[in-house]
């Protein structure tokens, strides 16, 4: 499966921070996310979602939960992932993540 071309950086920040937008779209999502022989898109989503929750980066979490769902992470799996990392990253962060995940998975 080939990753869809990312344009969010250019769409949202292209005029304000063109280099950042380029790195976001071309390097992070173009080169890193496309290395599916090394790590599947689904596994990259699990890692990214876990890292975002850990850092309390909930603004970015929503789009990565959507991407994770597209990459095959099921509702029961995301619930288990968040439950598991709650003990490592903090209970309040897990609560916040669950509220976003419920919206993404239509609950």
Protein backbone atom coordinates (compact mmCIF):
# COMPACT_ATOMS: atom_id res chain seq x y z
CA UNK A 1 0.00 0.00 0.00
CA UNK A 2 1.45 3.35 -1.02
CA UNK A 3 1.01 6.23 1.39
CA UNK A 4 -1.23 9.07 0.26
CA UNK A 5 0.66 12.28 -0.58
CA UNK A 6 0.58 14.55 2.47
CA UNK A 7 -0.21 18.24 1.96
CA UNK A 8 -1.33 19.32 5.45
CA UNK A 9 1.89 21.21 6.12
CA UNK A 10 1.63 23.24 2.95
CA UNK A 11 -2.12 23.66 3.32
CA UNK A 12 -1.92 24.97 6.89
CA UNK A 13 1.54 26.54 7.16
CA UNK A 14 2.90 26.89 3.63
CA UNK A 15 2.65 30.68 3.50
CA UNK A 16 3.78 31.21 7.10
CA UNK A 17 6.51 28.56 7.52
CA UNK A 18 7.31 27.09 4.09
CA UNK A 19 10.42 25.12 5.15
CA UNK A 20 8.59 23.51 8.08
CA UNK A 21 5.69 22.66 5.76
CA UNK A 22 8.10 21.10 3.26
CA UNK A 23 9.81 19.00 5.94
CA UNK A 24 6.44 17.88 7.31
CA UNK A 25 5.00 16.86 3.96
CA UNK A 26 8.06 15.63 2.07
CA UNK A 27 10.39 14.25 4.73
CA UNK A 28 8.23 13.13 7.66
CA UNK A 29 5.19 11.95 5.71
CA UNK A 30 6.90 11.47 2.35
CA UNK A 31 10.11 9.67 3.28
CA UNK A 32 9.71 8.38 6.84
CA UNK A 33 6.10 7.18 6.73
CA UNK A 34 6.70 5.52 3.34
CA UNK A 35 9.37 3.15 4.76
CA UNK A 36 6.81 0.36 5.12
CA UNK A 37 9.38 -2.40 4.56
CA UNK A 38 10.96 -1.35 7.84
CA UNK A 39 7.75 -0.67 9.81
CA UNK A 40 4.17 -0.92 8.60
CA UNK A 41 1.94 2.14 8.44
CA UNK A 42 -0.27 0.52 11.11
CA UNK A 43 2.69 0.07 13.45
CA UNK A 44 3.88 3.62 12.75
CA UNK A 45 0.41 4.82 13.73
CA UNK A 46 0.55 2.87 17.02
CA UNK A 47 3.94 4.38 17.83
CA UNK A 48 2.92 7.90 16.80
CA UNK A 49 -0.37 7.82 18.71
CA UNK A 50 1.44 6.56 21.81
CA UNK A 51 4.10 9.27 21.52
CA UNK A 52 1.52 12.02 21.04
CA UNK A 53 -0.46 10.89 24.08
CA UNK A 54 2.74 10.64 26.11
CA UNK A 55 3.68 14.20 25.25
CA UNK A 56 0.16 15.53 25.77
CA UNK A 57 0.01 16.64 22.12
CA UNK A 58 -3.74 16.32 21.78
CA UNK A 59 -4.11 18.83 18.93
CA UNK A 60 -2.14 16.49 16.66
CA UNK A 61 -3.67 13.34 18.17
CA UNK A 62 -7.01 13.69 16.39
CA UNK A 63 -5.53 13.48 12.88
CA UNK A 64 -3.24 10.62 13.87
CA UNK A 65 -6.13 8.67 15.39
CA UNK A 66 -7.97 9.12 12.08
CA UNK A 67 -4.86 7.97 10.22
CA UNK A 68 -4.50 5.03 12.61
CA UNK A 69 -8.08 4.01 11.97
CA UNK A 70 -7.41 4.21 8.20
CA UNK A 71 -4.29 2.11 8.79
CA UNK A 72 -6.34 -0.66 10.41
CA UNK A 73 -6.28 0.05 14.15
CA UNK A 74 -9.64 -1.14 15.44
CA UNK A 75 -11.73 0.47 18.17
CA UNK A 76 -10.93 -2.32 20.60
CA UNK A 77 -7.22 -2.07 19.81
CA UNK A 78 -7.09 1.71 20.36
CA UNK A 79 -8.91 1.23 23.67
CA UNK A 80 -6.31 -1.37 24.69
CA UNK A 81 -3.39 0.79 23.53
CA UNK A 82 -4.59 3.78 25.54
CA UNK A 83 -5.37 1.62 28.58
CA UNK A 84 -1.89 0.09 28.44
CA UNK A 85 0.03 3.35 28.08
CA UNK A 86 -2.06 5.08 30.77
CA UNK A 87 0.16 3.47 33.40
CA UNK A 88 3.28 4.84 31.73
CA UNK A 89 2.21 8.30 30.52
CA UNK A 90 -0.39 9.34 33.09
CA UNK A 91 -4.04 8.77 33.81
CA UNK A 92 -5.23 12.29 32.82
CA UNK A 93 -3.54 11.99 29.42
CA UNK A 94 -5.33 8.68 28.86
CA UNK A 95 -8.67 10.27 29.76
CA UNK A 96 -8.04 13.06 27.26
CA UNK A 97 -7.01 10.57 24.58
CA UNK A 98 -10.10 8.43 25.19
CA UNK A 99 -12.37 11.44 24.69
CA UNK A 100 -10.81 12.10 21.27
CA UNK A 101 -10.72 8.41 20.32
CA UNK A 102 -14.43 8.03 21.11
CA UNK A 103 -15.20 10.83 18.61
CA UNK A 104 -12.98 9.29 15.92
CA UNK A 105 -14.51 5.84 16.36
CA UNK A 106 -18.06 7.23 16.47
CA UNK A 107 -18.93 6.61 20.11
